[in-house]
């Protein structure tokens, strides 16, 4: 745990508010005591709803390392990660998450993730955005091909 890395994530979040590039969120990915990726939220400036600080910092770190695996790295983020960012953190295999603001703090200023958490617990057909399964047998063809591929890069 290093206060300077969290201070940088918070600084990125404040600078982002002042620049008008996106929401008040910043993130820093650290490996062996060095920053290897950092970013601030760019949802509104890039018209990309996935351009959250954590996702962008993970992308920058992966690019710098030339790997999709950030095992042994840590992320410092100015706010508790949303469900999408938390999923990205797990997929990237980060070792630890340090966060400053709580999701409840974000909710108070209009960034409320509670709907997503409630929706995940619902059956597909009961969700606000209904999910309808179709063509599973055809789609399983790709899964079988992957399963039988001898030289696949597993992740």
N, C-alpha and C. Protein backbone atom coordinates (compact mmCIF):
# COMPACT_ATOMS: atom_id res chain seq x y z
N UNK A 1 0.85 -1.17 0.00
CA UNK A 1 0.00 0.00 0.00
C UNK A 1 0.90 1.24 0.00
N UNK A 2 0.63 2.14 -0.96
CA UNK A 2 1.46 3.33 -1.11
C UNK A 2 0.57 4.54 -1.34
N UNK A 3 0.60 5.47 -0.41
CA UNK A 3 -0.25 6.66 -0.51
C UNK A 3 0.02 7.47 -1.77
N UNK A 4 1.25 7.45 -2.27
CA UNK A 4 1.55 8.26 -3.45
C UNK A 4 0.80 7.76 -4.68
N UNK A 5 0.58 6.45 -4.78
CA UNK A 5 -0.17 5.92 -5.92
C UNK A 5 -1.65 6.29 -5.81
N UNK A 6 -2.20 6.22 -4.60
CA UNK A 6 -3.59 6.63 -4.42
C UNK A 6 -3.72 8.13 -4.65
N UNK A 7 -2.75 8.89 -4.18
CA UNK A 7 -2.78 10.34 -4.40
C UNK A 7 -2.79 10.64 -5.90
N UNK A 8 -2.05 9.87 -6.69
CA UNK A 8 -2.04 10.07 -8.13
C UNK A 8 -3.41 9.74 -8.75
N UNK A 9 -4.02 8.66 -8.30
CA UNK A 9 -5.36 8.30 -8.81
C UNK A 9 -6.35 9.42 -8.48
N UNK A 10 -6.28 9.94 -7.28
CA UNK A 10 -7.17 11.03 -6.88
C UNK A 10 -6.88 12.29 -7.69
N UNK A 11 -5.59 12.58 -7.89
CA UNK A 11 -5.22 13.75 -8.70
C UNK A 11 -5.77 13.62 -10.12
N UNK A 12 -5.68 12.43 -10.71
CA UNK A 12 -6.23 12.20 -12.04
C UNK A 12 -7.74 12.46 -12.05
N UNK A 13 -8.42 12.05 -10.99
CA UNK A 13 -9.88 12.24 -10.93
C UNK A 13 -10.24 13.72 -10.85
N UNK A 14 -9.50 14.48 -10.06
CA UNK A 14 -9.74 15.92 -9.92
C UNK A 14 -9.43 16.65 -11.22
N UNK A 15 -8.29 16.33 -11.82
CA UNK A 15 -7.91 16.94 -13.10
C UNK A 15 -8.95 16.65 -14.17
N UNK A 16 -9.52 15.44 -14.11
CA UNK A 16 -10.51 15.06 -15.12
C UNK A 16 -11.79 15.90 -14.99
N UNK A 17 -12.21 16.14 -13.77
CA UNK A 17 -13.37 17.01 -13.55
C UNK A 17 -13.09 18.39 -14.11
N UNK A 18 -11.92 18.93 -13.80
CA UNK A 18 -11.56 20.28 -14.24
C UNK A 18 -11.39 20.38 -15.75
N UNK A 19 -10.96 19.31 -16.40
CA UNK A 19 -10.75 19.33 -17.85
C UNK A 19 -12.04 19.13 -18.63
N UNK A 20 -13.05 18.55 -17.98
CA UNK A 20 -14.30 18.27 -18.66
C UNK A 20 -14.26 17.04 -19.55
N UNK A 21 -13.24 16.20 -19.37
CA UNK A 21 -13.09 15.01 -20.23
C UNK A 21 -13.93 13.82 -19.79
N UNK A 22 -14.45 13.86 -18.58
CA UNK A 22 -15.23 12.73 -18.10
C UNK A 22 -15.54 12.86 -16.63
N UNK A 23 -15.98 11.76 -16.04
CA UNK A 23 -16.37 11.75 -14.64
C UNK A 23 -15.20 11.82 -13.68
N UNK A 24 -15.51 11.94 -12.38
CA UNK A 24 -14.50 12.14 -11.35
C UNK A 24 -13.83 10.85 -10.88
N UNK A 25 -13.19 10.17 -11.81
CA UNK A 25 -12.57 8.88 -11.50
C UNK A 25 -11.19 8.79 -12.11
N UNK A 26 -10.23 8.27 -11.34
CA UNK A 26 -8.87 8.05 -11.81
C UNK A 26 -8.36 6.72 -11.31
N UNK A 27 -7.43 6.11 -12.04
CA UNK A 27 -6.88 4.82 -11.65
C UNK A 27 -5.43 4.70 -12.08
N UNK A 28 -4.67 3.95 -11.28
CA UNK A 28 -3.25 3.74 -11.53
C UNK A 28 -2.95 2.26 -11.32
N UNK A 29 -2.28 1.63 -12.29
CA UNK A 29 -1.83 0.24 -12.16
C UNK A 29 -0.34 0.26 -11.85
N UNK A 30 0.04 -0.51 -10.84
CA UNK A 30 1.41 -0.51 -10.34
C UNK A 30 1.98 -1.92 -10.37
N UNK A 31 3.23 -2.03 -10.80
CA UNK A 31 3.95 -3.30 -10.76
C UNK A 31 5.34 -3.04 -10.18
N UNK A 32 5.71 -3.80 -9.19
CA UNK A 32 7.03 -3.68 -8.57
C UNK A 32 7.36 -2.23 -8.19
N UNK A 33 6.39 -1.53 -7.65
CA UNK A 33 6.61 -0.17 -7.17
C UNK A 33 6.65 0.91 -8.22
N UNK A 34 6.28 0.59 -9.47
CA UNK A 34 6.30 1.58 -10.55
C UNK A 34 4.95 1.61 -11.26
N UNK A 35 4.54 2.80 -11.64
CA UNK A 35 3.30 2.95 -12.40
C UNK A 35 3.52 2.42 -13.81
N UNK A 36 2.64 1.50 -14.23
CA UNK A 36 2.74 0.97 -15.60
C UNK A 36 1.52 1.32 -16.44
N UNK A 37 0.53 1.94 -15.81
CA UNK A 37 -0.65 2.39 -16.54
C UNK A 37 -1.48 3.29 -15.66
N UNK A 38 -1.99 4.35 -16.23
CA UNK A 38 -2.86 5.24 -15.49
C UNK A 38 -3.86 5.87 -16.44
N UNK A 39 -4.99 6.27 -15.88
CA UNK A 39 -6.02 6.88 -16.73
C UNK A 39 -7.07 7.55 -15.86
N UNK A 40 -7.83 8.40 -16.52
CA UNK A 40 -9.02 9.00 -15.92
C UNK A 40 -10.21 8.64 -16.79
N UNK A 41 -11.38 8.74 -16.24
CA UNK A 41 -12.61 8.41 -16.95
C UNK A 41 -12.74 9.27 -18.21
N UNK A 42 -13.08 8.63 -19.33
CA UNK A 42 -13.23 9.35 -20.60
C UNK A 42 -14.55 9.00 -21.29
N UNK A 43 -15.54 8.61 -20.52
CA UNK A 43 -16.81 8.18 -21.10
C UNK A 43 -17.41 9.26 -22.00
N UNK A 44 -17.53 10.48 -21.49
CA UNK A 44 -18.23 11.52 -22.25
C UNK A 44 -17.36 12.12 -23.35
N UNK A 45 -16.06 12.17 -23.15
CA UNK A 45 -15.20 12.76 -24.18
C UNK A 45 -14.95 11.84 -25.35
N UNK A 46 -15.10 10.53 -25.14
CA UNK A 46 -14.88 9.57 -26.23
C UNK A 46 -16.18 8.90 -26.68
N UNK A 47 -17.29 9.25 -26.03
CA UNK A 47 -18.57 8.61 -26.32
C UNK A 47 -18.46 7.09 -26.23
N UNK A 48 -17.77 6.64 -25.18
CA UNK A 48 -17.52 5.21 -24.96
C UNK A 48 -17.92 4.87 -23.53
N UNK A 49 -19.05 4.19 -23.34
CA UNK A 49 -19.49 3.88 -21.99
C UNK A 49 -18.56 2.92 -21.24
N UNK A 50 -17.61 2.30 -21.93
CA UNK A 50 -16.65 1.42 -21.26
C UNK A 50 -15.35 2.13 -20.91
N UNK A 51 -15.25 3.41 -21.19
CA UNK A 51 -14.00 4.15 -20.97
C UNK A 51 -13.87 4.63 -19.53
N UNK A 52 -14.06 3.70 -18.61
CA UNK A 52 -13.87 4.01 -17.19
C UNK A 52 -12.37 4.03 -16.89
N UNK A 53 -12.00 4.74 -15.84
CA UNK A 53 -10.59 4.90 -15.50
C UNK A 53 -9.88 3.56 -15.32
N UNK A 54 -10.52 2.64 -14.60
CA UNK A 54 -9.88 1.36 -14.34
C UNK A 54 -9.64 0.58 -15.62
N UNK A 55 -10.63 0.55 -16.49
CA UNK A 55 -10.50 -0.18 -17.76
C UNK A 55 -9.39 0.43 -18.60
N UNK A 56 -9.36 1.75 -18.69
CA UNK A 56 -8.32 2.41 -19.49
C UNK A 56 -6.93 2.22 -18.89
N UNK A 57 -6.83 2.25 -17.56
CA UNK A 57 -5.53 2.01 -16.91
C UNK A 57 -5.06 0.58 -17.14
N UNK A 58 -6.00 -0.36 -17.08
CA UNK A 58 -5.66 -1.77 -17.36
C UNK A 58 -5.18 -1.91 -18.80
N UNK A 59 -5.88 -1.29 -19.74
CA UNK A 59 -5.46 -1.35 -21.14
C UNK A 59 -4.05 -0.79 -21.32
N UNK A 60 -3.78 0.34 -20.69
CA UNK A 60 -2.45 0.96 -20.81
C UNK A 60 -1.37 0.05 -20.21
N UNK A 61 -1.66 -0.55 -19.06
CA UNK A 61 -0.69 -1.43 -18.42
C UNK A 61 -0.44 -2.68 -19.26
N UNK A 62 -1.49 -3.25 -19.80
CA UNK A 62 -1.34 -4.44 -20.66
C UNK A 62 -0.52 -4.12 -21.90
N UNK A 63 -0.78 -2.95 -22.47
CA UNK A 63 -0.02 -2.55 -23.66
C UNK A 63 1.46 -2.37 -23.31
N UNK A 64 1.71 -1.74 -22.18
CA UNK A 64 3.11 -1.51 -21.77
C UNK A 64 3.84 -2.83 -21.53
N UNK A 65 3.15 -3.79 -20.91
CA UNK A 65 3.77 -5.09 -20.62
C UNK A 65 3.72 -6.05 -21.80
N UNK A 66 2.88 -5.76 -22.78
CA UNK A 66 2.71 -6.69 -23.90
C UNK A 66 2.07 -7.98 -23.47
N UNK A 67 1.12 -7.88 -22.52
CA UNK A 67 0.48 -9.06 -21.97
C UNK A 67 -0.94 -8.73 -21.53
N UNK A 68 -1.83 -9.71 -21.59
CA UNK A 68 -3.17 -9.52 -21.08
C UNK A 68 -3.26 -9.91 -19.61
N UNK A 69 -2.17 -10.39 -19.05
CA UNK A 69 -2.14 -10.89 -17.68
C UNK A 69 -1.37 -9.91 -16.79
N UNK A 70 -2.07 -9.32 -15.84
CA UNK A 70 -1.45 -8.35 -14.92
C UNK A 70 -1.22 -8.96 -13.54
N UNK A 71 -1.00 -10.27 -13.52
CA UNK A 71 -0.74 -10.95 -12.25
C UNK A 71 0.46 -10.29 -11.57
N UNK A 72 0.36 -10.05 -10.29
CA UNK A 72 1.43 -9.41 -9.54
C UNK A 72 1.33 -7.89 -9.53
N UNK A 73 0.37 -7.35 -10.26
CA UNK A 73 0.16 -5.90 -10.28
C UNK A 73 -0.97 -5.52 -9.32
N UNK A 74 -1.00 -4.27 -8.96
CA UNK A 74 -2.05 -3.74 -8.10
C UNK A 74 -2.69 -2.55 -8.78
N UNK A 75 -3.94 -2.26 -8.41
CA UNK A 75 -4.62 -1.10 -8.96
C UNK A 75 -5.05 -0.19 -7.81
N UNK A 76 -4.80 1.08 -7.99
CA UNK A 76 -5.24 2.13 -7.08
C UNK A 76 -6.29 2.93 -7.83
N UNK A 77 -7.47 3.02 -7.26
CA UNK A 77 -8.55 3.71 -7.94
C UNK A 77 -9.25 4.68 -6.99
N UNK A 78 -9.64 5.81 -7.53
CA UNK A 78 -10.21 6.85 -6.69
C UNK A 78 -11.58 6.50 -6.13
N UNK A 79 -12.18 5.43 -6.65
CA UNK A 79 -13.50 5.00 -6.16
C UNK A 79 -13.61 3.49 -6.27
N UNK A 80 -14.39 2.91 -5.40
CA UNK A 80 -14.68 1.49 -5.46
C UNK A 80 -15.15 1.13 -6.87
N UNK A 81 -14.55 0.13 -7.49
CA UNK A 81 -14.88 -0.18 -8.89
C UNK A 81 -16.33 -0.60 -9.10
N UNK A 82 -16.88 -0.18 -10.24
CA UNK A 82 -18.22 -0.59 -10.64
C UNK A 82 -18.16 -2.06 -11.07
N UNK A 83 -19.30 -2.68 -11.32
CA UNK A 83 -19.30 -4.09 -11.72
C UNK A 83 -18.47 -4.37 -12.98
N UNK A 84 -18.54 -3.48 -13.97
CA UNK A 84 -17.76 -3.69 -15.20
C UNK A 84 -16.27 -3.65 -14.90
N UNK A 85 -15.85 -2.66 -14.14
CA UNK A 85 -14.42 -2.51 -13.83
C UNK A 85 -13.94 -3.65 -12.93
N UNK A 86 -14.79 -4.05 -12.00
CA UNK A 86 -14.42 -5.17 -11.14
C UNK A 86 -14.21 -6.43 -11.98
N UNK A 87 -15.09 -6.64 -12.95
CA UNK A 87 -14.91 -7.78 -13.86
C UNK A 87 -13.61 -7.69 -14.62
N UNK A 88 -13.28 -6.50 -15.12
CA UNK A 88 -12.02 -6.31 -15.86
C UNK A 88 -10.82 -6.57 -14.96
N UNK A 89 -10.91 -6.14 -13.72
CA UNK A 89 -9.81 -6.36 -12.76
C UNK A 89 -9.60 -7.85 -12.54
N UNK A 90 -10.68 -8.58 -12.38
CA UNK A 90 -10.55 -10.03 -12.20
C UNK A 90 -10.00 -10.71 -13.46
N UNK A 91 -10.51 -10.31 -14.64
CA UNK A 91 -10.01 -10.90 -15.88
C UNK A 91 -8.53 -10.61 -16.07
N UNK A 92 -8.07 -9.45 -15.64
CA UNK A 92 -6.65 -9.08 -15.78
C UNK A 92 -5.78 -9.73 -14.70
N UNK A 93 -6.41 -10.31 -13.70
CA UNK A 93 -5.71 -11.02 -12.61
C UNK A 93 -4.87 -10.10 -11.73
N UNK A 94 -5.35 -8.90 -11.51
CA UNK A 94 -4.64 -8.00 -10.61
C UNK A 94 -4.62 -8.60 -9.20
N UNK A 95 -3.55 -8.33 -8.47
CA UNK A 95 -3.37 -8.96 -7.16
C UNK A 95 -4.15 -8.28 -6.05
N UNK A 96 -4.37 -6.97 -6.18
CA UNK A 96 -5.01 -6.23 -5.10
C UNK A 96 -5.63 -4.96 -5.64
N UNK A 97 -6.73 -4.55 -4.99
CA UNK A 97 -7.42 -3.31 -5.34
C UNK A 97 -7.37 -2.39 -4.12
N UNK A 98 -6.86 -1.19 -4.33
CA UNK A 98 -6.93 -0.14 -3.32
C UNK A 98 -7.92 0.90 -3.84
N UNK A 99 -8.87 1.32 -3.03
CA UNK A 99 -9.85 2.31 -3.49
C UNK A 99 -10.07 3.36 -2.43
N UNK A 100 -10.49 4.55 -2.86
CA UNK A 100 -10.73 5.66 -1.95
C UNK A 100 -12.22 5.81 -1.65
N UNK A 101 -12.98 6.42 -2.56
CA UNK A 101 -14.41 6.62 -2.34
C UNK A 101 -15.16 5.30 -2.40
N UNK A 102 -16.27 5.23 -1.66
CA UNK A 102 -17.15 4.06 -1.68
C UNK A 102 -18.14 4.17 -2.84
N UNK A 103 -18.71 3.04 -3.24
CA UNK A 103 -19.75 3.09 -4.27
C UNK A 103 -20.94 3.92 -3.79
N UNK A 104 -21.19 3.94 -2.49
CA UNK A 104 -22.27 4.77 -1.94
C UNK A 104 -21.98 6.26 -2.15
N UNK A 105 -20.70 6.65 -2.08
CA UNK A 105 -20.32 8.05 -2.33
C UNK A 105 -20.60 8.41 -3.79
N UNK A 106 -20.27 7.48 -4.68
CA UNK A 106 -20.52 7.71 -6.12
C UNK A 106 -22.02 7.79 -6.39
N UNK A 107 -22.76 6.95 -5.74
CA UNK A 107 -24.21 6.94 -5.91
C UNK A 107 -24.83 8.29 -5.55
N UNK A 108 -24.33 8.91 -4.51
CA UNK A 108 -24.85 10.20 -4.04
C UNK A 108 -24.69 11.31 -5.08
N UNK A 109 -23.72 11.15 -6.00
CA UNK A 109 -23.52 12.19 -7.02
C UNK A 109 -23.95 11.72 -8.41
N UNK A 110 -24.75 10.65 -8.44
CA UNK A 110 -25.35 10.24 -9.70
C UNK A 110 -24.73 9.05 -10.39
N UNK A 111 -23.74 8.41 -9.79
CA UNK A 111 -23.10 7.23 -10.39
C UNK A 111 -23.52 6.01 -9.57
N UNK A 112 -24.73 5.53 -9.82
CA UNK A 112 -25.33 4.47 -9.01
C UNK A 112 -25.26 3.13 -9.74
N UNK A 113 -24.54 2.18 -9.15
CA UNK A 113 -24.38 0.85 -9.73
C UNK A 113 -25.37 -0.16 -9.18
N UNK A 114 -26.20 0.23 -8.25
CA UNK A 114 -27.07 -0.74 -7.57
C UNK A 114 -28.01 -1.45 -8.55
N UNK A 115 -28.46 -0.76 -9.59
CA UNK A 115 -29.33 -1.41 -10.57
C UNK A 115 -28.63 -2.60 -11.20
N UNK A 116 -27.37 -2.43 -11.55
CA UNK A 116 -26.63 -3.52 -12.21
C UNK A 116 -26.50 -4.72 -11.28
N UNK A 117 -26.16 -4.46 -10.03
CA UNK A 117 -26.05 -5.57 -9.07
C UNK A 117 -27.39 -6.30 -8.92
N UNK A 118 -28.49 -5.54 -8.86
CA UNK A 118 -29.81 -6.17 -8.75
C UNK A 118 -30.15 -6.96 -10.02
N UNK A 119 -29.83 -6.41 -11.16
CA UNK A 119 -30.14 -7.06 -12.43
C UNK A 119 -29.39 -8.38 -12.60
N UNK A 120 -28.15 -8.43 -12.19
CA UNK A 120 -27.35 -9.66 -12.32
C UNK A 120 -28.01 -10.80 -11.56
N UNK A 121 -28.65 -10.49 -10.44
CA UNK A 121 -29.30 -11.51 -9.63
C UNK A 121 -30.63 -11.99 -10.21
N UNK A 122 -31.17 -11.28 -11.18
CA UNK A 122 -32.46 -11.64 -11.77
C UNK A 122 -32.30 -12.72 -12.85
N UNK A 123 -33.35 -13.54 -13.05
CA UNK A 123 -33.33 -14.47 -14.20
C UNK A 123 -33.27 -13.64 -15.50
N UNK A 124 -32.71 -14.19 -16.53
CA UNK A 124 -32.55 -13.48 -17.81
C UNK A 124 -33.84 -12.80 -18.25
N UNK A 125 -34.92 -13.51 -18.20
CA UNK A 125 -36.20 -12.99 -18.73
C UNK A 125 -36.81 -11.89 -17.87
N UNK A 126 -36.34 -11.70 -16.66
CA UNK A 126 -36.92 -10.71 -15.75
C UNK A 126 -36.10 -9.43 -15.67
N UNK A 127 -35.02 -9.37 -16.41
CA UNK A 127 -34.15 -8.19 -16.34
C UNK A 127 -34.77 -7.01 -17.07
N UNK A 128 -34.37 -5.82 -16.67
CA UNK A 128 -34.85 -4.58 -17.29
C UNK A 128 -34.57 -4.61 -18.80
N UNK A 129 -33.39 -5.10 -19.16
CA UNK A 129 -33.06 -5.36 -20.56
C UNK A 129 -33.15 -6.88 -20.71
N UNK A 130 -34.28 -7.38 -21.24
CA UNK A 130 -34.45 -8.84 -21.32
C UNK A 130 -33.34 -9.50 -22.14
N UNK A 131 -32.94 -10.66 -21.69
CA UNK A 131 -31.94 -11.46 -22.40
C UNK A 131 -32.65 -12.68 -22.96
N UNK A 132 -32.49 -12.91 -24.26
CA UNK A 132 -33.17 -14.01 -24.94
C UNK A 132 -32.11 -14.89 -25.58
N UNK A 133 -32.03 -16.13 -25.14
CA UNK A 133 -31.05 -17.05 -25.70
C UNK A 133 -31.55 -17.57 -27.05
N UNK A 134 -30.62 -17.70 -28.01
CA UNK A 134 -30.98 -18.25 -29.31
C UNK A 134 -29.74 -18.84 -29.99
N UNK A 135 -29.94 -19.79 -30.85
CA UNK A 135 -28.92 -20.44 -31.69
C UNK A 135 -27.73 -20.99 -30.89
N UNK A 136 -28.01 -21.56 -29.72
CA UNK A 136 -26.94 -22.09 -28.87
C UNK A 136 -26.16 -23.20 -29.57
N UNK A 137 -26.84 -24.13 -30.18
CA UNK A 137 -26.16 -25.25 -30.82
C UNK A 137 -25.18 -24.77 -31.89
N UNK A 138 -25.59 -23.80 -32.68
CA UNK A 138 -24.70 -23.24 -33.71
C UNK A 138 -23.50 -22.54 -33.07
N UNK A 139 -23.76 -21.82 -31.99
CA UNK A 139 -22.69 -21.08 -31.33
C UNK A 139 -21.70 -22.01 -30.62
N UNK A 140 -22.17 -23.17 -30.19
CA UNK A 140 -21.27 -24.13 -29.54
C UNK A 140 -20.18 -24.62 -30.48
N UNK A 141 -20.37 -24.46 -31.78
CA UNK A 141 -19.35 -24.84 -32.76
C UNK A 141 -18.03 -24.12 -32.48
N UNK A 142 -18.10 -22.83 -32.17
CA UNK A 142 -16.89 -22.07 -31.85
C UNK A 142 -16.25 -22.57 -30.56
N UNK A 143 -17.07 -22.90 -29.58
CA UNK A 143 -16.54 -23.41 -28.31
C UNK A 143 -15.85 -24.76 -28.51
N UNK A 144 -16.43 -25.60 -29.33
CA UNK A 144 -15.80 -26.91 -29.60
C UNK A 144 -14.48 -26.73 -30.34
N UNK A 145 -14.47 -25.78 -31.29
CA UNK A 145 -13.23 -25.51 -32.02
C UNK A 145 -12.16 -25.02 -31.06
N UNK A 146 -12.53 -24.16 -30.13
CA UNK A 146 -11.57 -23.66 -29.14
C UNK A 146 -11.07 -24.79 -28.25
N UNK A 147 -12.01 -25.60 -27.80
CA UNK A 147 -11.66 -26.70 -26.91
C UNK A 147 -10.66 -27.66 -27.58
N UNK A 148 -10.79 -27.86 -28.88
CA UNK A 148 -9.94 -28.80 -29.61
C UNK A 148 -8.70 -28.16 -30.22
N UNK A 149 -8.56 -26.86 -30.13
CA UNK A 149 -7.42 -26.17 -30.72
C UNK A 149 -6.15 -26.49 -29.92
N UNK A 150 -5.15 -27.08 -30.54
CA UNK A 150 -3.97 -27.50 -29.80
C UNK A 150 -3.05 -26.35 -29.39
N UNK A 151 -3.03 -25.28 -30.13
CA UNK A 151 -2.05 -24.21 -29.87
C UNK A 151 -2.71 -22.92 -29.37
N UNK A 152 -3.81 -23.05 -28.63
CA UNK A 152 -4.51 -21.88 -28.14
C UNK A 152 -3.73 -21.21 -27.00
N UNK A 153 -3.92 -19.93 -26.89
CA UNK A 153 -3.35 -19.18 -25.76
C UNK A 153 -4.44 -19.06 -24.72
N UNK A 154 -4.30 -19.79 -23.64
CA UNK A 154 -5.33 -19.81 -22.62
C UNK A 154 -5.25 -18.56 -21.75
N UNK A 155 -6.41 -18.15 -21.29
CA UNK A 155 -6.46 -17.01 -20.36
C UNK A 155 -7.55 -17.16 -19.36
